Amino acid sequence: METLQTIETLTTTKTESFASMDESEVLEQDPSCERPIDQSSWSLASFCQQSFEQVLSNSLYGATISRPLALYIYDNANIKTQLFNRTISQSEEIRACLMEQFGLWSWNLTEENYFELLNIIIEHVGEEVAAVIDSSPKEIYPLLICLIFLRGEIKVDCVIHGDMSIDEIFALLTQTYDIFCPRFGSPDTTGMQLTHISKENWSVPPSTLTEVQKESDEFQRVADDFDGGASSIVQVHRIDNTVWLIEYLNQKRLVDNRLGHDNTEKLLFHGCPYDAAEKILHHGFDHKRIGANGSSYGRGFYFSSSRSLSDQYALRNPLTKEKRILMCRVLTGQSCEGDRTITRCPSNYDSVAGRSNIHVVFSNRHVLPEYLITYK
């Protein structure tokens, strides 16, 4: 996101998204701190500091022991906040990690106080953090934005959102603490399935398509990757989806951290029927469709580095005779050879491969469509 110009610019679209919230359910921003844990009505917002200055001094700017800072941004009127609190309350490890190893500050976000929130964030931790809040749609709330102090600057290390599993949340919190405080011990991860790949049929809000002009360098770059710059392309649309992007980057961070390097993704093609491309961009890759076009290397989502191979699965529009292919970032991580008996990703691997240019992943969170290419 570009550097923030003014607070007014930031709030223009964001406040509209909160217009339908029930004001009667808004909590005050100065709750009392350190209430006893009651899992039946446990709330992360109960554990807070009275001011942002105070939590900063007890976390990132700690005089003796410094800790990372987690900003809990939530909507008290949203049922997903209750579900997120329930998830946290069920994990003693996550509660202990947050309470003992992080500074924690919370804000119940409404249309009326959004302007005030951005003022506080920009004043104390800078525009980069405010930009993350501004670019996060309400569909992924609540958020835990984890901040670290790196080379003299406050940086966002990760963004945890309400749809994540217990394992994913704990892994990201542990990772943030390890980066910020490598000299201190980390929470025990024994028995946690941190390499488990979810088969949950995760759904996303619709993506936004922006046509890429044929005269642009971006179009030429995509054309070169697609068919060596040949003239078969009719249109190229850039795909934007903040929810999908955040989820993919969080998943990539987990894989990168586990493998110890960031060379964990590939730019691959996915061919599909003409109308199916729109369904994917509106709801994500559907686990219910797995196996519809074969499962020679396992029951997952298939991608290829070969445009000609993906073309075989790209069915034409009967009226225009045009085809569509999705160019995607695919989190292949550590891969092994696949076969038709595989129904879920093998333990300690992130994908399987077949032939020299086929890659199969087993979670729709491990794919990020970048471009929709229409061609003949």
Protein backbone atom coordinates (compact mmCIF):
# COMPACT_ATOMS: atom_id res chain seq x y z
CA MET A 1 0.00 0.00 0.00
CA GLU A 2 1.25 3.49 -0.79
CA THR A 3 2.34 5.80 2.01
CA LEU A 4 -0.65 7.19 3.82
CA GLN A 5 -1.38 10.76 2.81
CA THR A 6 -3.94 11.86 5.39
CA ILE A 7 -6.09 10.28 8.06
CA GLU A 8 -9.16 11.45 6.14
CA THR A 9 -8.06 9.47 3.07
CA LEU A 10 -7.66 6.31 5.10
CA THR A 11 -11.08 6.51 6.69
CA THR A 12 -13.16 7.17 3.57
CA THR A 13 -13.84 3.57 2.59
CA LYS A 14 -13.21 1.83 5.90
CA THR A 15 -15.87 3.70 7.84
CA GLU A 16 -18.47 2.73 5.25
CA SER A 17 -17.84 -0.96 5.97
CA PHE A 18 -18.78 -0.45 9.63
CA ALA A 19 -21.95 1.51 8.94
CA SER A 20 -24.24 -1.45 9.63
CA MET A 21 -22.84 -2.28 13.07
CA ASP A 22 -25.06 -2.18 16.14
CA GLU A 23 -23.91 0.82 18.20
CA SER A 24 -25.68 -0.49 21.29
CA GLU A 25 -23.14 -3.31 21.51
CA VAL A 26 -20.04 -1.10 21.43
CA LEU A 27 -17.70 -1.56 24.41
CA GLU A 28 -15.86 1.30 26.03
CA GLN A 29 -12.16 1.54 25.19
CA ASP A 30 -10.93 1.76 28.78
CA PRO A 31 -11.88 -1.58 30.35
CA SER A 32 -10.39 -2.82 33.59
CA CYS A 33 -7.36 -5.08 33.32
CA GLU A 34 -6.37 -8.56 34.37
CA ARG A 35 -9.72 -10.20 35.03
CA PRO A 36 -9.76 -13.88 36.07
CA ILE A 37 -10.11 -16.35 33.19
CA ASP A 38 -13.60 -17.80 32.80
CA GLN A 39 -13.71 -19.95 29.67
CA SER A 40 -17.48 -19.76 29.45
CA SER A 41 -17.31 -16.00 28.80
CA TRP A 42 -13.60 -15.49 28.21
CA SER A 43 -12.63 -12.39 26.23
CA LEU A 44 -9.18 -11.49 24.96
CA ALA A 45 -10.09 -7.82 25.28
CA SER A 46 -10.21 -8.23 29.06
CA PHE A 47 -6.42 -8.45 29.15
CA CYS A 48 -5.24 -4.97 28.30
CA GLN A 49 -3.32 -1.90 29.39
CA GLN A 50 -5.03 1.39 30.21
CA SER A 51 -3.23 3.29 27.45
CA PHE A 52 -1.19 2.65 24.34
CA GLU A 53 1.80 4.45 25.90
CA GLN A 54 1.74 2.11 28.88
CA VAL A 55 1.57 -1.09 26.84
CA LEU A 56 4.42 0.16 24.65
CA SER A 57 6.60 0.82 27.68
CA ASN A 58 5.88 -2.68 28.99
CA SER A 59 6.49 -4.46 25.68
CA LEU A 60 8.48 -3.10 22.73
CA TYR A 61 10.14 -0.35 24.79
CA GLY A 62 10.62 -2.39 27.96
CA ALA A 63 13.53 -1.05 30.03
CA THR A 64 14.65 -4.45 31.36
CA ILE A 65 12.75 -7.11 29.38
CA SER A 66 11.16 -6.24 26.06
CA ARG A 67 8.40 -8.26 24.42
CA PRO A 68 6.56 -8.20 21.09
CA LEU A 69 3.24 -6.34 21.03
CA ALA A 70 -0.06 -7.81 19.80
CA LEU A 71 -2.76 -5.37 18.73
CA TYR A 72 -6.18 -7.00 19.07
CA ILE A 73 -8.58 -5.18 16.72
CA TYR A 74 -12.11 -6.55 16.88
CA ASP A 75 -15.80 -5.80 16.35
CA ASN A 76 -17.75 -6.66 19.47
CA ALA A 77 -21.00 -6.88 17.49
CA ASN A 78 -19.62 -9.55 15.15
CA ILE A 79 -20.27 -13.22 15.95
CA LYS A 80 -16.77 -14.04 14.64
CA THR A 81 -15.32 -12.20 17.64
CA GLN A 82 -17.13 -14.60 19.99
CA LEU A 83 -15.93 -17.59 17.95
CA PHE A 84 -12.34 -16.30 18.01
CA ASN A 85 -12.47 -15.83 21.79
CA ARG A 86 -13.82 -19.34 22.15
CA THR A 87 -10.94 -20.69 20.06
CA ILE A 88 -8.37 -18.86 22.20
CA SER A 89 -10.06 -19.95 25.44
CA GLN A 90 -9.69 -23.61 24.43
CA SER A 91 -5.90 -23.38 24.17
CA GLU A 92 -3.93 -23.01 27.37
CA GLU A 93 -0.75 -22.66 25.29
CA ILE A 94 -2.07 -19.66 23.34
CA ARG A 95 -3.42 -17.96 26.46
CA ALA A 96 -0.11 -18.41 28.25
CA CYS A 97 1.85 -17.22 25.23
CA LEU A 98 -0.20 -14.03 24.89
CA MET A 99 -0.40 -13.24 28.59
CA GLU A 100 3.21 -14.01 29.49
CA GLN A 101 5.25 -13.31 26.36
CA PHE A 102 3.40 -10.48 24.61
CA GLY A 103 2.21 -7.03 25.40
CA LEU A 104 -1.48 -6.88 24.51
CA TRP A 105 -3.62 -3.89 23.52
CA SER A 106 -7.21 -4.09 22.31
CA TRP A 107 -9.61 -1.86 20.42
CA ASN A 108 -13.29 -2.45 19.68
CA LEU A 109 -13.54 -0.97 16.18
CA THR A 110 -16.64 0.95 15.10
CA GLU A 111 -17.46 3.51 12.44
CA GLU A 112 -17.33 6.28 15.03
CA ASN A 113 -13.89 5.48 16.51
CA TYR A 114 -12.00 4.42 13.40
CA PHE A 115 -10.55 7.92 12.94
CA GLU A 116 -9.37 7.89 16.57
CA LEU A 117 -7.76 4.44 16.19
CA LEU A 118 -5.69 5.48 13.18
CA ASN A 119 -4.53 8.62 14.98
CA ILE A 120 -3.28 6.52 17.91
CA ILE A 121 -1.57 3.95 15.68
CA ILE A 122 0.16 6.50 13.44
CA GLU A 123 1.29 8.60 16.40
CA HIS A 124 2.82 5.71 18.34
CA VAL A 125 3.88 2.99 15.89
CA GLY A 126 3.76 4.59 12.45
CA GLU A 127 1.96 4.59 9.13
CA GLU A 128 3.02 1.06 8.10
CA VAL A 129 0.96 -0.47 10.92
CA ALA A 130 -1.97 1.86 10.17
CA ALA A 131 -1.80 0.77 6.53
CA VAL A 132 -2.21 -2.88 7.53
CA ILE A 133 -5.36 -2.03 9.50
CA ASP A 134 -6.69 0.11 6.68
CA SER A 135 -6.14 -2.61 4.07
CA SER A 136 -7.77 -5.38 6.11
CA PRO A 137 -11.44 -5.91 5.18
CA LYS A 138 -13.96 -6.50 7.93
CA GLU A 139 -14.55 -10.06 6.68
CA ILE A 140 -11.32 -11.25 8.33
CA TYR A 141 -11.87 -9.56 11.71
CA PRO A 142 -10.93 -9.95 14.49
CA LEU A 143 -7.22 -9.31 13.96
CA LEU A 144 -4.13 -9.87 16.07
CA ILE A 145 -1.40 -7.72 14.54
CA CYS A 146 1.95 -8.78 15.98
CA LEU A 147 4.61 -6.06 16.15
CA ILE A 148 8.35 -6.43 16.68
CA PHE A 149 11.22 -3.96 17.06
CA LEU A 150 13.70 -4.65 14.25
CA ARG A 151 16.81 -2.60 13.43
CA GLY A 152 15.44 0.46 15.17
CA GLU A 153 11.96 0.34 13.59
CA ILE A 154 8.60 -1.11 14.58
CA LYS A 155 7.58 -3.73 12.05
CA VAL A 156 4.52 -5.94 11.48
CA ASP A 157 5.73 -9.53 11.82
CA CYS A 158 2.43 -11.29 11.15
CA VAL A 159 -1.33 -10.80 11.02
CA ILE A 160 -3.53 -13.40 12.73
CA HIS A 161 -7.20 -13.33 11.81
CA GLY A 162 -10.37 -14.87 13.13
CA ASP A 163 -10.63 -17.81 10.72
CA MET A 164 -7.33 -19.41 11.73
CA SER A 165 -7.05 -22.69 13.59
CA ILE A 166 -5.49 -23.11 17.04
CA ASP A 167 -2.35 -24.63 15.51
CA GLU A 168 -1.93 -21.77 13.02
CA ILE A 169 -2.41 -19.10 15.69
CA PHE A 170 0.04 -20.72 18.10
CA ALA A 171 2.64 -21.26 15.37
CA LEU A 172 2.56 -17.60 14.32
CA LEU A 173 2.71 -16.32 17.91
CA THR A 174 5.65 -18.62 18.64
CA GLN A 175 7.41 -17.50 15.49
CA THR A 176 7.00 -13.81 16.35
CA TYR A 177 8.34 -14.34 19.84
CA ASP A 178 11.29 -16.36 18.54
CA ILE A 179 12.22 -13.60 16.09
CA PHE A 180 11.91 -10.84 18.67
CA CYS A 181 13.32 -12.68 21.69
CA PRO A 182 15.68 -15.42 20.44
CA ARG A 183 17.56 -15.39 23.74
CA PHE A 184 14.50 -16.49 25.71
CA GLY A 185 12.78 -19.85 25.72
CA SER A 186 9.78 -20.52 23.47
CA PRO A 187 6.47 -22.19 24.35
CA ASP A 188 6.64 -25.98 24.14
CA THR A 189 5.23 -27.13 20.78
CA THR A 190 5.35 -30.84 21.61
CA GLY A 191 2.25 -32.55 20.27
CA MET A 192 1.15 -29.54 18.21
CA GLN A 193 0.50 -30.44 14.56
CA LEU A 194 2.31 -27.42 13.17
CA THR A 195 2.99 -29.05 9.80
CA HIS A 196 -0.59 -30.22 9.38
CA ILE A 197 -2.20 -28.88 6.21
CA SER A 198 -5.86 -28.02 6.65
CA LYS A 199 -8.39 -29.59 4.27
CA GLU A 200 -11.06 -27.16 5.41
CA ASN A 201 -13.02 -25.82 2.44
CA TRP A 202 -12.00 -22.24 3.13
CA SER A 203 -14.06 -19.62 1.30
CA VAL A 204 -13.04 -16.07 0.44
CA PRO A 205 -14.92 -12.90 -0.51
CA PRO A 206 -15.01 -12.14 -4.27
CA SER A 207 -11.79 -10.97 -5.89
CA THR A 208 -11.43 -7.68 -7.75
CA LEU A 209 -10.30 -7.81 -11.39
CA THR A 210 -8.34 -4.98 -13.01
CA GLU A 211 -7.57 -5.17 -16.72
CA VAL A 212 -3.87 -4.86 -17.54
CA GLN A 213 -3.24 -2.56 -20.49
CA LYS A 214 -1.62 -4.28 -23.47
CA GLU A 215 0.93 -1.49 -23.83
CA SER A 216 2.22 -1.93 -20.28
CA ASP A 217 5.36 -3.69 -19.11
CA GLU A 218 3.19 -5.75 -16.77
CA PHE A 219 1.19 -7.16 -19.71
CA GLN A 220 4.37 -8.03 -21.59
CA ARG A 221 5.83 -9.75 -18.53
CA VAL A 222 2.71 -11.91 -18.16
CA ALA A 223 2.66 -12.65 -21.89
CA ASP A 224 6.30 -13.75 -21.77
CA ASP A 225 5.57 -16.14 -18.92
CA PHE A 226 2.42 -17.40 -20.64
CA ASP A 227 3.50 -18.13 -24.20
CA GLY A 228 6.78 -16.41 -24.84
CA GLY A 229 5.07 -13.18 -25.81
CA ALA A 230 2.95 -14.68 -28.59
CA SER A 231 -0.24 -12.93 -29.64
CA SER A 232 -2.74 -15.52 -28.40
CA ILE A 233 -3.74 -13.41 -25.37
CA VAL A 234 -7.00 -11.48 -25.63
CA GLN A 235 -7.04 -9.97 -22.12
CA VAL A 236 -5.09 -10.09 -18.88
CA HIS A 237 -6.76 -9.19 -15.58
CA ARG A 238 -4.81 -8.63 -12.36
CA ILE A 239 -6.50 -10.36 -9.41
CA ASP A 240 -6.69 -8.50 -6.09
CA ASN A 241 -8.05 -10.04 -2.90
CA THR A 242 -6.71 -8.78 0.42
CA VAL A 243 -8.24 -11.64 2.44
CA TRP A 244 -6.72 -14.26 0.18
CA LEU A 245 -3.35 -12.48 0.10
CA ILE A 246 -3.08 -12.24 3.90
CA GLU A 247 -4.03 -15.90 4.35
CA TYR A 248 -1.56 -17.05 1.70
CA LEU A 249 1.30 -14.99 3.15
CA ASN A 250 0.56 -16.30 6.64
CA GLN A 251 0.65 -19.87 5.30
CA LYS A 252 3.88 -19.15 3.43
CA ARG A 253 5.43 -17.73 6.58
CA LEU A 254 4.67 -20.97 8.42
CA VAL A 255 6.21 -23.10 5.67
CA ASP A 256 9.25 -20.80 5.29
CA ASN A 257 9.88 -20.91 9.02
CA ARG A 258 9.62 -24.69 9.14
CA LEU A 259 11.93 -25.28 6.18
CA GLY A 260 14.40 -22.53 7.03
CA HIS A 261 14.26 -20.73 3.66
CA ASP A 262 11.80 -18.70 1.56
CA ASN A 263 12.14 -20.53 -1.78
CA THR A 264 8.85 -22.30 -1.15
CA GLU A 265 6.53 -21.15 -3.93
CA LYS A 266 6.22 -21.45 -7.71
CA LEU A 267 4.37 -19.47 -10.39
CA LEU A 268 2.12 -22.07 -12.05
CA PHE A 269 -0.87 -22.36 -14.39
CA HIS A 270 -4.32 -23.76 -13.71
CA GLY A 271 -6.59 -24.54 -16.65
CA CYS A 272 -10.32 -24.85 -16.09
CA PRO A 273 -13.67 -24.40 -17.88
CA TYR A 274 -14.33 -20.79 -18.89
CA ASP A 275 -17.06 -20.12 -16.29
CA ALA A 276 -15.25 -22.04 -13.55
CA ALA A 277 -12.54 -19.37 -13.40
CA GLU A 278 -15.11 -16.82 -12.17
CA LYS A 279 -16.39 -19.22 -9.51
CA ILE A 280 -12.85 -19.75 -8.24
CA LEU A 281 -12.28 -15.99 -8.01
CA HIS A 282 -15.57 -15.51 -6.16
CA HIS A 283 -15.25 -18.30 -3.61
CA GLY A 284 -11.76 -19.84 -3.78
CA PHE A 285 -10.74 -23.29 -4.95
CA ASP A 286 -13.46 -25.73 -3.92
CA HIS A 287 -12.46 -28.94 -2.12
CA LYS A 288 -15.74 -30.47 -3.26
CA ARG A 289 -14.49 -30.32 -6.87
CA ILE A 290 -11.31 -32.30 -6.16
CA GLY A 291 -11.04 -35.31 -8.45
CA ALA A 292 -13.51 -33.99 -11.02
CA ASN A 293 -10.78 -33.98 -13.68
CA GLY A 294 -8.68 -36.86 -12.40
CA SER A 295 -6.48 -37.68 -9.42
CA SER A 296 -3.47 -39.48 -10.88
CA TYR A 297 -1.09 -37.96 -8.32
CA GLY A 298 -3.45 -37.51 -5.38
CA ARG A 299 -6.76 -35.85 -4.52
CA GLY A 300 -5.76 -32.19 -4.52
CA PHE A 301 -5.56 -29.05 -6.64
CA TYR A 302 -3.50 -29.45 -9.80
CA PHE A 303 -1.15 -26.89 -11.33
CA SER A 304 1.50 -27.00 -14.00
CA SER A 305 4.55 -25.05 -15.08
CA SER A 306 3.55 -25.96 -18.65
CA ARG A 307 1.01 -23.68 -20.25
CA SER A 308 0.33 -26.29 -22.96
CA LEU A 309 -0.58 -28.91 -20.35
CA SER A 310 -2.93 -26.55 -18.49
CA ASP A 311 -4.47 -25.62 -21.84
CA GLN A 312 -5.85 -29.17 -22.12
CA TYR A 313 -8.16 -28.45 -19.16
CA ALA A 314 -9.16 -24.95 -20.25
CA LEU A 315 -12.52 -25.48 -21.98
CA ARG A 316 -13.61 -22.86 -24.51
CA ASN A 317 -16.48 -20.42 -24.19
CA PRO A 318 -18.90 -21.85 -26.79
CA LEU A 319 -19.83 -18.37 -28.05
CA THR A 320 -16.50 -16.54 -28.18
CA LYS A 321 -14.26 -19.63 -28.53
CA GLU A 322 -11.98 -18.07 -25.89
CA LYS A 323 -10.24 -19.96 -23.07
CA ARG A 324 -9.09 -18.94 -19.60
CA ILE A 325 -6.10 -19.91 -17.50
CA LEU A 326 -5.24 -18.74 -14.00
CA MET A 327 -1.62 -17.83 -13.29
CA CYS A 328 -1.11 -18.55 -9.59
CA ARG A 329 1.44 -18.41 -6.82
CA VAL A 330 1.44 -21.93 -5.38
CA LEU A 331 2.98 -22.84 -2.04
CA THR A 332 4.74 -26.07 -3.00
CA GLY A 333 7.23 -26.04 -0.10
CA GLN A 334 8.79 -29.48 0.30
CA SER A 335 7.44 -31.91 -2.26
CA CYS A 336 7.42 -35.67 -2.79
CA GLU A 337 6.21 -37.95 -5.57
CA GLY A 338 2.45 -38.38 -5.74
CA ASP A 339 0.14 -41.23 -6.69
CA ARG A 340 -3.59 -41.77 -6.98
CA THR A 341 -3.88 -43.33 -3.50
CA ILE A 342 -2.97 -40.06 -1.72
CA THR A 343 -5.97 -38.29 -0.20
CA ARG A 344 -4.13 -35.77 1.97
CA CYS A 345 -0.67 -34.21 1.96
CA PRO A 346 1.95 -36.68 3.28
CA SER A 347 3.39 -35.85 6.70
CA ASN A 348 6.26 -33.30 6.66
CA TYR A 349 5.52 -32.35 3.04
CA ASP A 350 3.57 -29.44 1.53
CA SER A 351 2.79 -30.79 -1.95
CA VAL A 352 3.29 -33.72 -4.29
CA ALA A 353 4.59 -33.80 -7.86
CA GLY A 354 3.90 -35.84 -10.94
CA ARG A 355 5.95 -35.86 -14.09
CA SER A 356 8.33 -32.91 -14.39
CA ASN A 357 5.81 -30.08 -14.48
CA ILE A 358 2.78 -31.12 -12.40
CA HIS A 359 2.34 -29.92 -8.83
CA VAL A 360 -0.50 -30.82 -6.45
CA VAL A 361 -1.41 -29.03 -3.23
CA PHE A 362 -4.07 -30.17 -0.78
CA SER A 363 -5.26 -26.90 0.76
CA ASN A 364 -6.91 -24.01 -1.04
CA ARG A 365 -5.05 -21.74 1.39
CA HIS A 366 -1.82 -22.66 -0.41
CA VAL A 367 -2.82 -21.02 -3.69
CA LEU A 368 -2.95 -17.32 -4.61
CA PRO A 369 -4.27 -16.46 -8.11
CA GLU A 370 -2.31 -13.54 -9.58
CA TYR A 371 -3.68 -13.15 -13.12
CA LEU A 372 -6.68 -14.28 -15.15
CA ILE A 373 -5.55 -14.78 -18.76
CA THR A 374 -8.13 -14.93 -21.55
CA TYR A 375 -6.78 -16.24 -24.85
CA LYS A 376 -7.64 -18.06 -28.07
